[in-house]
Amino acid sequence: MPEDLHPRLLRGFVATAETLHFGQAAARLHLAQQALSRDIKSLERLLGRELFTRTTRSVALTAAGERLLPQARRLLALQAEMLAPAERDRPVLVDLNSAVTGEDLTGERILAAARAADPEVELLARYHGGLTAGVRELLADRLDASFGWFSGLPAALRERLVQRPVRLERVALLLPQTHPLAGRPAIRVAELVGSPVDICAGNPATTEWTAFGERLLGEHGLTAAAPFAPPVGAAETARYLAQHGDPMLTTTGGPQLPGVVTRPLVDPVPLTLVSLVHRPGPVAAGVALLLAQAAELGEREGWLTPPPAAWMAAEDAALLS
């Protein structure tokens, strides 16, 4: 039985045919160049003929590629025409990368701004609890956008997604009110040496956050707490913290939990880069609205400007450069 011809393969072919440069085509599609090359090879294998001639200095269409180009453009235009009404009418599902809500959480802020900017676009919030879980839903076409630490995803997943950096969030700790450091207005990173920090290592929905925690702790000589089954919801998180006692890595702006305090980390000020993540290809109106509001909020409030004495992962710095 012949394989299905995925529109992604045609989009990669058209972009490469128009630029005659794999790097430029990959950048246009927000893909890694290796992923685009694999897609072109898959298309050539599917069609049984070479579409490009490649040398170390140039890329050119073959005769078969020249014939395919107008056909591919027509098929992609037809797909866009068929999907346009559905994209306008259907709700856009947005994962807020949290199991709880908070007044200054990035996803919450952007979603609220988008709803206010265009009430005609139906945006529905989802709470999968982490970008890892959100990406699974994105790639299964059960979700349209998600938020989180993109750099912590495996490379094979990053290659299949589009990300837009939207905010540098300050890293903090959740502590039971009985913890010896709970009375401080802020906690110096060095004060955690020898004290295990919970980085949610037992949560399969937030493996990207665990990866961030490992990076932060490892670069500052800190240790991670043993993994446990993750709590779900505000009340369960408060109960979990009271029972286990270890400070839990989080970001500022989250909800107030009973019997729990949030304290920012300083000296240095750790930051995590939150990205808005979606699938490649035509962008739904609701996703475009989220991107526009994220950019507007970010510019107005300086979301991508790091404070003095900040620390961020090298991958985040590269995404911002």
C-alpha atoms as a PDB file:
ATOM      1  CA  MET A   1       0.000   0.000   0.000  1.00  0.00           C
ATOM      2  CA  PRO A   2       1.451   3.434  -0.914  1.00  0.00           C
ATOM      3  CA  GLU A   3       2.304   5.887   1.884  1.00  0.00           C
ATOM      4  CA  ASP A   4       0.183   8.974   2.496  1.00  0.00           C
ATOM      5  CA  LEU A   5       1.592  12.239   1.152  1.00  0.00           C
ATOM      6  CA  HIS A   6       1.770  14.578   4.152  1.00  0.00           C
ATOM      7  CA  PRO A   7       1.394  18.303   3.372  1.00  0.00           C
ATOM      8  CA  ARG A   8       4.465  18.952   5.524  1.00  0.00           C
ATOM      9  CA  LEU A   9       6.608  17.241   2.897  1.00  0.00           C
ATOM     10  CA  LEU A  10       5.179  19.451   0.161  1.00  0.00           C
ATOM     11  CA  ARG A  11       5.707  22.610   2.235  1.00  0.00           C
ATOM     12  CA  GLY A  12       9.339  21.652   2.728  1.00  0.00           C
ATOM     13  CA  PHE A  13       9.763  20.946  -0.970  1.00  0.00           C
ATOM     14  CA  VAL A  14       8.195  24.262  -2.054  1.00  0.00           C
ATOM     15  CA  ALA A  15      10.251  26.293   0.421  1.00  0.00           C
ATOM     16  CA  THR A  16      13.455  24.606  -0.743  1.00  0.00           C
ATOM     17  CA  ALA A  17      12.527  24.999  -4.425  1.00  0.00           C
ATOM     18  CA  GLU A  18      11.836  28.716  -3.927  1.00  0.00           C
ATOM     19  CA  THR A  19      15.028  29.466  -1.991  1.00  0.00           C
ATOM     20  CA  LEU A  20      17.321  26.782  -3.462  1.00  0.00           C
ATOM     21  CA  HIS A  21      18.943  26.773  -0.046  1.00  0.00           C
ATOM     22  CA  PHE A  22      18.201  24.207   2.656  1.00  0.00           C
ATOM     23  CA  GLY A  23      19.222  26.521   5.491  1.00  0.00           C
ATOM     24  CA  GLN A  24      17.031  29.402   4.315  1.00  0.00           C
ATOM     25  CA  ALA A  25      14.102  27.062   3.657  1.00  0.00           C
ATOM     26  CA  ALA A  26      14.425  25.517   7.121  1.00  0.00           C
ATOM     27  CA  ALA A  27      14.475  28.979   8.713  1.00  0.00           C
ATOM     28  CA  ARG A  28      11.353  29.972   6.760  1.00  0.00           C
ATOM     29  CA  LEU A  29       9.548  26.887   8.068  1.00  0.00           C
ATOM     30  CA  HIS A  30      10.981  27.213  11.611  1.00  0.00           C
ATOM     31  CA  LEU A  31      12.536  23.747  11.286  1.00  0.00           C
ATOM     32  CA  ALA A  32      15.990  22.369  11.905  1.00  0.00           C
ATOM     33  CA  GLN A  33      17.880  21.885   8.637  1.00  0.00           C
ATOM     34  CA  GLN A  34      18.333  18.178   9.398  1.00  0.00           C
ATOM     35  CA  ALA A  35      14.565  17.744   9.761  1.00  0.00           C
ATOM     36  CA  LEU A  36      13.943  19.461   6.424  1.00  0.00           C
ATOM     37  CA  SER A  37      16.550  17.297   4.701  1.00  0.00           C
ATOM     38  CA  ARG A  38      14.851  14.185   6.070  1.00  0.00           C
ATOM     39  CA  ASP A  39      11.488  15.399   4.777  1.00  0.00           C
ATOM     40  CA  ILE A  40      12.903  16.022   1.292  1.00  0.00           C
ATOM     41  CA  LYS A  41      14.444  12.556   1.236  1.00  0.00           C
ATOM     42  CA  SER A  42      11.134  11.064   2.394  1.00  0.00           C
ATOM     43  CA  LEU A  43       9.303  12.853  -0.418  1.00  0.00           C
ATOM     44  CA  GLU A  44      11.862  11.701  -3.005  1.00  0.00           C
ATOM     45  CA  ARG A  45      11.568   8.134  -1.734  1.00  0.00           C
ATOM     46  CA  LEU A  46       7.770   8.327  -1.813  1.00  0.00           C
ATOM     47  CA  LEU A  47       7.717   9.658  -5.389  1.00  0.00           C
ATOM     48  CA  GLY A  48      10.558   7.451  -6.594  1.00  0.00           C
ATOM     49  CA  ARG A  49      12.639  10.230  -8.126  1.00  0.00           C
ATOM     50  CA  GLU A  50      15.157  12.879  -7.155  1.00  0.00           C
ATOM     51  CA  LEU A  51      13.801  16.408  -6.901  1.00  0.00           C
ATOM     52  CA  PHE A  52      17.060  18.313  -6.329  1.00  0.00           C
ATOM     53  CA  THR A  53      20.649  18.068  -7.432  1.00  0.00           C
ATOM     54  CA  ARG A  54      22.942  18.955  -4.568  1.00  0.00           C
ATOM     55  CA  THR A  55      26.578  19.960  -4.441  1.00  0.00           C
ATOM     56  CA  THR A  56      28.604  21.507  -1.637  1.00  0.00           C
ATOM     57  CA  ARG A  57      27.944  24.930  -3.161  1.00  0.00           C
ATOM     58  CA  SER A  58      24.540  24.815  -4.816  1.00  0.00           C
ATOM     59  CA  VAL A  59      21.070  23.292  -4.910  1.00  0.00           C
ATOM     60  CA  ALA A  60      19.042  23.032  -8.140  1.00  0.00           C
ATOM     61  CA  LEU A  61      15.729  21.498  -9.155  1.00  0.00           C
ATOM     62  CA  THR A  62      15.791  18.411 -11.319  1.00  0.00           C
ATOM     63  CA  ALA A  63      13.354  18.076 -14.238  1.00  0.00           C
ATOM     64  CA  ALA A  64      11.081  16.066 -11.919  1.00  0.00           C
ATOM     65  CA  GLY A  65      11.314  18.823  -9.330  1.00  0.00           C
ATOM     66  CA  GLU A  66      10.382  21.456 -11.912  1.00  0.00           C
ATOM     67  CA  ARG A  67       7.264  19.457 -12.826  1.00  0.00           C
ATOM     68  CA  LEU A  68       6.291  18.901  -9.200  1.00  0.00           C
ATOM     69  CA  LEU A  69       6.603  22.530  -8.079  1.00  0.00           C
ATOM     70  CA  PRO A  70       3.378  23.927  -9.641  1.00  0.00           C
ATOM     71  CA  GLN A  71       1.489  20.776  -8.625  1.00  0.00           C
ATOM     72  CA  ALA A  72       2.693  21.086  -5.035  1.00  0.00           C
ATOM     73  CA  ARG A  73       1.696  24.749  -4.903  1.00  0.00           C
ATOM     74  CA  ARG A  74      -1.805  23.892  -6.172  1.00  0.00           C
ATOM     75  CA  LEU A  75      -2.216  21.104  -3.600  1.00  0.00           C
ATOM     76  CA  LEU A  76      -1.122  23.354  -0.730  1.00  0.00           C
ATOM     77  CA  ALA A  77      -3.420  26.142  -1.914  1.00  0.00           C
ATOM     78  CA  LEU A  78      -6.310  23.669  -2.099  1.00  0.00           C
ATOM     79  CA  GLN A  79      -5.566  22.446   1.419  1.00  0.00           C
ATOM     80  CA  ALA A  80      -5.512  26.024   2.730  1.00  0.00           C
ATOM     81  CA  GLU A  81      -8.826  26.748   1.000  1.00  0.00           C
ATOM     82  CA  MET A  82     -10.426  23.618   2.455  1.00  0.00           C
ATOM     83  CA  LEU A  83      -9.194  24.279   5.989  1.00  0.00           C
ATOM     84  CA  ALA A  84      -9.822  28.020   6.144  1.00  0.00           C
ATOM     85  CA  PRO A  85     -13.511  27.851   7.205  1.00  0.00           C
ATOM     86  CA  ALA A  86     -12.772  25.133   9.751  1.00  0.00           C
ATOM     87  CA  GLU A  87      -9.866  27.114  11.198  1.00  0.00           C
ATOM     88  CA  ARG A  88     -12.090  30.170  11.585  1.00  0.00           C
ATOM     89  CA  ASP A  89     -14.985  28.313  13.154  1.00  0.00           C
ATOM     90  CA  ARG A  90     -13.452  25.747  15.474  1.00  0.00           C
ATOM     91  CA  PRO A  91     -12.260  26.594  18.993  1.00  0.00           C
ATOM     92  CA  VAL A  92      -8.508  26.978  19.485  1.00  0.00           C
ATOM     93  CA  LEU A  93      -7.203  24.829  22.347  1.00  0.00           C
ATOM     94  CA  VAL A  94      -4.446  26.408  24.423  1.00  0.00           C
ATOM     95  CA  ASP A  95      -2.466  24.524  27.072  1.00  0.00           C
ATOM     96  CA  LEU A  96      -1.347  26.860  29.869  1.00  0.00           C
ATOM     97  CA  ASN A  97       1.452  24.547  31.063  1.00  0.00           C
ATOM     98  CA  SER A  98       0.070  24.404  34.582  1.00  0.00           C
ATOM     99  CA  ALA A  99      -2.233  22.341  36.747  1.00  0.00           C
ATOM    100  CA  VAL A 100      -3.255  25.486  38.649  1.00  0.00           C
ATOM    101  CA  THR A 101      -3.989  29.113  37.801  1.00  0.00           C
ATOM    102  CA  GLY A 102      -2.188  32.271  38.917  1.00  0.00           C
ATOM    103  CA  GLU A 103      -2.595  35.997  38.350  1.00  0.00           C
ATOM    104  CA  ASP A 104       0.789  36.497  36.662  1.00  0.00           C
ATOM    105  CA  LEU A 105       1.397  33.174  34.933  1.00  0.00           C
ATOM    106  CA  THR A 106       2.499  33.815  31.363  1.00  0.00           C
ATOM    107  CA  GLY A 107      -0.065  31.638  29.619  1.00  0.00           C
ATOM    108  CA  GLU A 108      -2.906  33.085  31.698  1.00  0.00           C
ATOM    109  CA  ARG A 109      -1.847  36.657  30.886  1.00  0.00           C
ATOM    110  CA  ILE A 110      -1.579  36.034  27.136  1.00  0.00           C
ATOM    111  CA  LEU A 111      -4.851  34.125  26.957  1.00  0.00           C
ATOM    112  CA  ALA A 112      -6.721  36.887  28.804  1.00  0.00           C
ATOM    113  CA  ALA A 113      -5.248  39.558  26.514  1.00  0.00           C
ATOM    114  CA  ALA A 114      -6.149  37.570  23.394  1.00  0.00           C
ATOM    115  CA  ARG A 115      -9.735  37.056  24.532  1.00  0.00           C
ATOM    116  CA  ALA A 116     -10.090  40.774  25.251  1.00  0.00           C
ATOM    117  CA  ALA A 117      -8.544  41.746  21.905  1.00  0.00           C
ATOM    118  CA  ASP A 118     -10.919  39.613  19.802  1.00  0.00           C
ATOM    119  CA  PRO A 119     -13.924  38.093  21.611  1.00  0.00           C
ATOM    120  CA  GLU A 120     -15.092  36.511  18.340  1.00  0.00           C
ATOM    121  CA  VAL A 121     -12.208  34.014  18.392  1.00  0.00           C
ATOM    122  CA  GLU A 122     -13.023  31.127  20.721  1.00  0.00           C
ATOM    123  CA  LEU A 123     -10.002  30.201  22.835  1.00  0.00           C
ATOM    124  CA  LEU A 124     -10.335  27.290  25.249  1.00  0.00           C
ATOM    125  CA  ALA A 125      -7.817  26.761  28.050  1.00  0.00           C
ATOM    126  CA  ARG A 126      -6.390  23.353  28.842  1.00  0.00           C
ATOM    127  CA  TYR A 127      -4.275  22.390  31.863  1.00  0.00           C
ATOM    128  CA  HIS A 128      -2.017  19.484  30.912  1.00  0.00           C
ATOM    129  CA  GLY A 129       0.481  20.497  33.599  1.00  0.00           C
ATOM    130  CA  GLY A 130       3.644  20.727  31.509  1.00  0.00           C
ATOM    131  CA  LEU A 131       5.035  21.347  28.037  1.00  0.00           C
ATOM    132  CA  THR A 132       6.017  17.692  27.608  1.00  0.00           C
ATOM    133  CA  ALA A 133       2.385  16.657  27.989  1.00  0.00           C
ATOM    134  CA  GLY A 134       1.243  19.588  25.854  1.00  0.00           C
ATOM    135  CA  VAL A 135       3.575  18.627  23.010  1.00  0.00           C
ATOM    136  CA  ARG A 136       2.153  15.115  22.926  1.00  0.00           C
ATOM    137  CA  GLU A 137      -1.278  16.647  22.429  1.00  0.00           C
ATOM    138  CA  LEU A 138       0.052  19.138  19.850  1.00  0.00           C
ATOM    139  CA  LEU A 139       1.600  16.443  17.697  1.00  0.00           C
ATOM    140  CA  ALA A 140      -1.578  14.370  17.910  1.00  0.00           C
ATOM    141  CA  ASP A 141      -3.617  17.380  16.641  1.00  0.00           C
ATOM    142  CA  ARG A 142      -5.549  17.542  19.922  1.00  0.00           C
ATOM    143  CA  LEU A 143      -4.110  20.930  20.893  1.00  0.00           C
ATOM    144  CA  ASP A 144      -3.151  24.111  19.032  1.00  0.00           C
ATOM    145  CA  ALA A 145      -0.629  25.846  21.282  1.00  0.00           C
ATOM    146  CA  SER A 146       1.262  25.342  24.529  1.00  0.00           C
ATOM    147  CA  PHE A 147       3.708  27.216  26.754  1.00  0.00           C
ATOM    148  CA  GLY A 148       6.902  26.164  28.505  1.00  0.00           C
ATOM    149  CA  TRP A 149      10.675  25.643  28.481  1.00  0.00           C
ATOM    150  CA  PHE A 150      11.215  24.689  24.839  1.00  0.00           C
ATOM    151  CA  SER A 151      14.958  24.072  25.282  1.00  0.00           C
ATOM    152  CA  GLY A 152      14.231  21.184  27.642  1.00  0.00           C
ATOM    153  CA  LEU A 153      12.418  19.119  25.022  1.00  0.00           C
ATOM    154  CA  PRO A 154      14.314  16.347  23.199  1.00  0.00           C
ATOM    155  CA  ALA A 155      15.866  17.501  19.901  1.00  0.00           C
ATOM    156  CA  ALA A 156      13.637  15.118  17.918  1.00  0.00           C
ATOM    157  CA  LEU A 157      10.558  16.943  19.259  1.00  0.00           C
ATOM    158  CA  ARG A 158      11.987  20.458  18.877  1.00  0.00           C
ATOM    159  CA  GLU A 159      12.576  19.774  15.181  1.00  0.00           C
ATOM    160  CA  ARG A 160       8.849  19.136  14.673  1.00  0.00           C
ATOM    161  CA  LEU A 161       7.631  22.313  16.372  1.00  0.00           C
ATOM    162  CA  VAL A 162       7.649  26.088  16.006  1.00  0.00           C
ATOM    163  CA  GLN A 163       8.460  28.194  19.053  1.00  0.00           C
ATOM    164  CA  ARG A 164       8.337  31.906  19.811  1.00  0.00           C
ATOM    165  CA  PRO A 165      10.178  33.180  22.931  1.00  0.00           C
ATOM    166  CA  VAL A 166       7.697  35.257  24.938  1.00  0.00           C
ATOM    167  CA  ARG A 167       8.953  35.798  28.487  1.00  0.00           C
ATOM    168  CA  LEU A 168      11.874  35.388  30.851  1.00  0.00           C
ATOM    169  CA  GLU A 169      10.270  34.220  34.104  1.00  0.00           C
ATOM    170  CA  ARG A 170      12.010  34.551  37.471  1.00  0.00           C
ATOM    171  CA  VAL A 171      12.631  31.249  39.214  1.00  0.00           C
ATOM    172  CA  ALA A 172      11.447  30.839  42.797  1.00  0.00           C
ATOM    173  CA  LEU A 173      10.848  28.219  45.466  1.00  0.00           C
ATOM    174  CA  LEU A 174       7.662  26.933  47.036  1.00  0.00           C
ATOM    175  CA  LEU A 175       8.294  26.243  50.736  1.00  0.00           C
ATOM    176  CA  PRO A 176       6.126  25.130  53.645  1.00  0.00           C
ATOM    177  CA  GLN A 177       5.685  27.992  56.100  1.00  0.00           C
ATOM    178  CA  THR A 178       7.565  25.879  58.657  1.00  0.00           C
ATOM    179  CA  HIS A 179      10.719  25.673  56.512  1.00  0.00           C
ATOM    180  CA  PRO A 180      13.774  27.480  58.024  1.00  0.00           C
ATOM    181  CA  LEU A 181      14.119  29.691  54.914  1.00  0.00           C
ATOM    182  CA  ALA A 182      10.421  30.560  54.642  1.00  0.00           C
ATOM    183  CA  GLY A 183      10.805  33.811  56.579  1.00  0.00           C
ATOM    184  CA  ARG A 184      13.269  35.319  54.087  1.00  0.00           C
ATOM    185  CA  PRO A 185      11.962  37.800  51.470  1.00  0.00           C
ATOM    186  CA  ALA A 186      14.306  36.138  48.952  1.00  0.00           C
ATOM    187  CA  ILE A 187      16.651  33.142  49.082  1.00  0.00           C
ATOM    188  CA  ARG A 188      20.232  33.227  47.904  1.00  0.00           C
ATOM    189  CA  VAL A 189      21.134  30.276  45.687  1.00  0.00           C
ATOM    190  CA  ALA A 190      24.137  29.489  47.885  1.00  0.00           C
ATOM    191  CA  GLU A 191      21.833  28.966  50.882  1.00  0.00           C
ATOM    192  CA  LEU A 192      20.493  25.820  49.220  1.00  0.00           C
ATOM    193  CA  VAL A 193      23.828  23.996  49.166  1.00  0.00           C
ATOM    194  CA  GLY A 194      23.308  20.690  50.966  1.00  0.00           C
ATOM    195  CA  SER A 195      19.514  21.084  50.969  1.00  0.00           C
ATOM    196  CA  PRO A 196      17.719  18.955  48.320  1.00  0.00           C
ATOM    197  CA  VAL A 197      15.480  20.879  45.907  1.00  0.00           C
ATOM    198  CA  ASP A 198      12.375  19.264  44.422  1.00  0.00           C
ATOM    199  CA  ILE A 199      12.490  19.630  40.600  1.00  0.00           C
ATOM    200  CA  CYS A 200       9.360  17.520  39.941  1.00  0.00           C
ATOM    201  CA  ALA A 201      11.511  14.624  38.755  1.00  0.00           C
ATOM    202  CA  GLY A 202       8.647  12.183  39.248  1.00  0.00           C
ATOM    203  CA  ASN A 203       6.266  13.977  36.871  1.00  0.00           C
ATOM    204  CA  PRO A 204       6.218  12.561  33.310  1.00  0.00           C
ATOM    205  CA  ALA A 205       4.214  15.584  32.107  1.00  0.00           C
ATOM    206  CA  THR A 206       6.994  18.045  32.978  1.00  0.00           C
ATOM    207  CA  THR A 207      10.250  16.398  31.943  1.00  0.00           C
ATOM    208  CA  GLU A 208      11.349  19.680  30.321  1.00  0.00           C
ATOM    209  CA  TRP A 209      11.026  21.425  33.708  1.00  0.00           C
ATOM    210  CA  THR A 210      13.018  18.656  35.374  1.00  0.00           C
ATOM    211  CA  ALA A 211      15.707  19.166  32.722  1.00  0.00           C
ATOM    212  CA  PHE A 212      15.758  22.876  33.541  1.00  0.00           C
ATOM    213  CA  GLY A 213      16.051  22.113  37.257  1.00  0.00           C
ATOM    214  CA  GLU A 214      18.928  19.716  36.629  1.00  0.00           C
ATOM    215  CA  ARG A 215      20.736  22.403  34.637  1.00  0.00           C
ATOM    216  CA  LEU A 216      20.194  25.101  37.281  1.00  0.00           C
ATOM    217  CA  LEU A 217      21.156  22.889  40.209  1.00  0.00           C
ATOM    218  CA  GLY A 218      24.116  21.341  38.437  1.00  0.00           C
ATOM    219  CA  GLU A 219      25.685  24.684  37.526  1.00  0.00           C
ATOM    220  CA  HIS A 220      25.377  25.950  41.117  1.00  0.00           C
ATOM    221  CA  GLY A 221      26.479  22.882  43.079  1.00  0.00           C
ATOM    222  CA  LEU A 222      22.991  21.997  44.350  1.00  0.00           C
ATOM    223  CA  THR A 223      21.302  18.615  44.655  1.00  0.00           C
ATOM    224  CA  ALA A 224      17.891  17.395  43.522  1.00  0.00           C
ATOM    225  CA  ALA A 225      15.399  15.756  45.858  1.00  0.00           C
ATOM    226  CA  ALA A 226      14.360  12.180  45.233  1.00  0.00           C
ATOM    227  CA  PRO A 227      11.523  11.852  42.690  1.00  0.00           C
ATOM    228  CA  PHE A 228       7.995  11.288  43.980  1.00  0.00           C
ATOM    229  CA  ALA A 229       4.600  10.851  42.364  1.00  0.00           C
ATOM    230  CA  PRO A 230       3.513  14.406  41.456  1.00  0.00           C
ATOM    231  CA  PRO A 231       0.664  16.209  43.221  1.00  0.00           C
ATOM    232  CA  VAL A 232      -2.219  17.579  41.151  1.00  0.00           C
ATOM    233  CA  GLY A 233      -3.910  20.864  42.037  1.00  0.00           C
ATOM    234  CA  ALA A 234      -3.305  23.544  44.647  1.00  0.00           C
ATOM    235  CA  ALA A 235      -4.551  21.671  47.709  1.00  0.00           C
ATOM    236  CA  GLU A 236      -2.602  18.512  46.868  1.00  0.00           C
ATOM    237  CA  THR A 237       0.562  20.518  46.175  1.00  0.00           C
ATOM    238  CA  ALA A 238       0.270  22.183  49.595  1.00  0.00           C
ATOM    239  CA  ARG A 239      -0.243  18.794  51.250  1.00  0.00           C
ATOM    240  CA  TYR A 240       2.730  17.362  49.326  1.00  0.00           C
ATOM    241  CA  LEU A 241       5.042  20.177  50.420  1.00  0.00           C
ATOM    242  CA  ALA A 242       3.974  19.884  54.036  1.00  0.00           C
ATOM    243  CA  GLN A 243       4.608  16.139  53.979  1.00  0.00           C
ATOM    244  CA  HIS A 244       7.968  16.090  52.152  1.00  0.00           C
ATOM    245  CA  GLY A 245       9.399  19.425  53.303  1.00  0.00           C
ATOM    246  CA  ASP A 246      11.839  19.986  50.430  1.00  0.00           C
ATOM    247  CA  PRO A 247      11.602  23.361  48.643  1.00  0.00           C
ATOM    248  CA  MET A 248      10.060  22.975  45.196  1.00  0.00           C
ATOM    249  CA  LEU A 249      11.339  24.811  42.132  1.00  0.00           C
ATOM    250  CA  THR A 250       8.711  27.075  40.554  1.00  0.00           C
ATOM    251  CA  THR A 251       8.392  30.570  39.051  1.00  0.00           C
ATOM    252  CA  THR A 252       7.010  33.770  40.513  1.00  0.00           C
ATOM    253  CA  GLY A 253       3.446  34.850  39.791  1.00  0.00           C
ATOM    254  CA  GLY A 254       1.749  31.571  40.631  1.00  0.00           C
ATOM    255  CA  PRO A 255      -1.148  30.960  43.011  1.00  0.00           C
ATOM    256  CA  GLN A 256      -1.060  31.342  46.785  1.00  0.00           C
ATOM    257  CA  LEU A 257      -1.256  27.889  48.366  1.00  0.00           C
ATOM    258  CA  PRO A 258      -2.468  27.251  51.933  1.00  0.00           C
ATOM    259  CA  GLY A 259       0.429  26.916  54.346  1.00  0.00           C
ATOM    260  CA  VAL A 260       2.963  27.621  51.572  1.00  0.00           C
ATOM    261  CA  VAL A 261       5.089  30.650  50.657  1.00  0.00           C
ATOM    262  CA  THR A 262       6.798  31.554  47.365  1.00  0.00           C
ATOM    263  CA  ARG A 263      10.266  33.048  47.599  1.00  0.00           C
ATOM    264  CA  PRO A 264      12.338  34.276  44.619  1.00  0.00           C
ATOM    265  CA  LEU A 265      15.910  33.088  44.163  1.00  0.00           C
ATOM    266  CA  VAL A 266      18.710  35.674  44.010  1.00  0.00           C
ATOM    267  CA  ASP A 267      22.496  35.923  43.711  1.00  0.00           C
ATOM    268  CA  PRO A 268      22.154  35.145  40.837  1.00  0.00           C
ATOM    269  CA  VAL A 269      18.570  35.667  39.653  1.00  0.00           C
ATOM    270  CA  PRO A 270      17.736  32.469  37.716  1.00  0.00           C
ATOM    271  CA  LEU A 271      15.483  32.924  34.693  1.00  0.00           C
ATOM    272  CA  THR A 272      13.629  30.443  32.531  1.00  0.00           C
ATOM    273  CA  LEU A 273      12.582  31.305  28.974  1.00  0.00           C
ATOM    274  CA  VAL A 274       8.919  30.580  28.328  1.00  0.00           C
ATOM    275  CA  SER A 275       8.045  29.995  24.678  1.00  0.00           C
ATOM    276  CA  LEU A 276       4.730  29.735  22.873  1.00  0.00           C
ATOM    277  CA  VAL A 277       4.875  26.469  20.922  1.00  0.00           C
ATOM    278  CA  HIS A 278       2.745  25.308  17.983  1.00  0.00           C
ATOM    279  CA  ARG A 279       2.894  23.045  14.930  1.00  0.00           C
ATOM    280  CA  PRO A 280       4.530  24.151  11.651  1.00  0.00           C
ATOM    281  CA  GLY A 281       2.356  25.127   8.700  1.00  0.00           C
ATOM    282  CA  PRO A 282      -0.595  27.474   8.369  1.00  0.00           C
ATOM    283  CA  VAL A 283      -1.247  29.258  11.670  1.00  0.00           C
ATOM    284  CA  ALA A 284      -4.826  29.251  12.957  1.00  0.00           C
ATOM    285  CA  ALA A 285      -6.363  32.666  13.605  1.00  0.00           C
ATOM    286  CA  GLY A 286      -6.470  31.987  17.344  1.00  0.00           C
ATOM    287  CA  VAL A 287      -2.790  31.043  17.482  1.00  0.00           C
ATOM    288  CA  ALA A 288      -1.884  34.172  15.489  1.00  0.00           C
ATOM    289  CA  LEU A 289      -3.890  36.203  18.006  1.00  0.00           C
ATOM    290  CA  LEU A 290      -1.976  34.630  20.906  1.00  0.00           C
ATOM    291  CA  LEU A 291       1.348  35.392  19.210  1.00  0.00           C
ATOM    292  CA  ALA A 292       0.356  39.007  18.616  1.00  0.00           C
ATOM    293  CA  GLN A 293      -0.736  39.545  22.219  1.00  0.00           C
ATOM    294  CA  ALA A 294       2.392  37.841  23.538  1.00  0.00           C
ATOM    295  CA  ALA A 295       4.522  40.244  21.495  1.00  0.00           C
ATOM    296  CA  GLU A 296       2.513  43.270  22.662  1.00  0.00           C
ATOM    297  CA  LEU A 297       2.670  42.313  26.342  1.00  0.00           C
ATOM    298  CA  GLY A 298       6.342  41.479  26.041  1.00  0.00           C
ATOM    299  CA  GLU A 299       7.220  44.823  24.504  1.00  0.00           C
ATOM    300  CA  ARG A 300       5.130  46.810  26.982  1.00  0.00           C
ATOM    301  CA  GLU A 301       6.413  45.015  30.082  1.00  0.00           C
ATOM    302  CA  GLY A 302       9.943  44.124  29.006  1.00  0.00           C
ATOM    303  CA  TRP A 303       9.345  40.394  29.215  1.00  0.00           C
ATOM    304  CA  LEU A 304      12.487  39.476  27.288  1.00  0.00           C
ATOM    305  CA  THR A 305      14.827  41.901  29.072  1.00  0.00           C
ATOM    306  CA  PRO A 306      16.849  40.118  31.784  1.00  0.00           C
ATOM    307  CA  PRO A 307      17.360  41.928  35.121  1.00  0.00           C
ATOM    308  CA  PRO A 308      20.858  42.621  36.493  1.00  0.00           C
ATOM    309  CA  ALA A 309      22.809  39.663  37.900  1.00  0.00           C
ATOM    310  CA  ALA A 310      20.658  37.161  36.026  1.00  0.00           C
ATOM    311  CA  TRP A 311      21.433  33.557  35.123  1.00  0.00           C
ATOM    312  CA  MET A 312      19.863  31.663  32.249  1.00  0.00           C
ATOM    313  CA  ALA A 313      20.624  28.407  30.473  1.00  0.00           C
ATOM    314  CA  ALA A 314      22.931  28.701  27.464  1.00  0.00           C
ATOM    315  CA  GLU A 315      20.176  27.343  25.193  1.00  0.00           C
ATOM    316  CA  ASP A 316      17.856  30.164  26.236  1.00  0.00           C
ATOM    317  CA  ALA A 317      20.519  32.781  25.597  1.00  0.00           C
ATOM    318  CA  ALA A 318      21.000  31.312  22.111  1.00  0.00           C
ATOM    319  CA  LEU A 319      17.265  31.507  21.360  1.00  0.00           C
ATOM    320  CA  LEU A 320      17.287  35.201  22.317  1.00  0.00           C
ATOM    321  CA  SER A 321      20.425  36.142  20.379  1.00  0.00           C
END
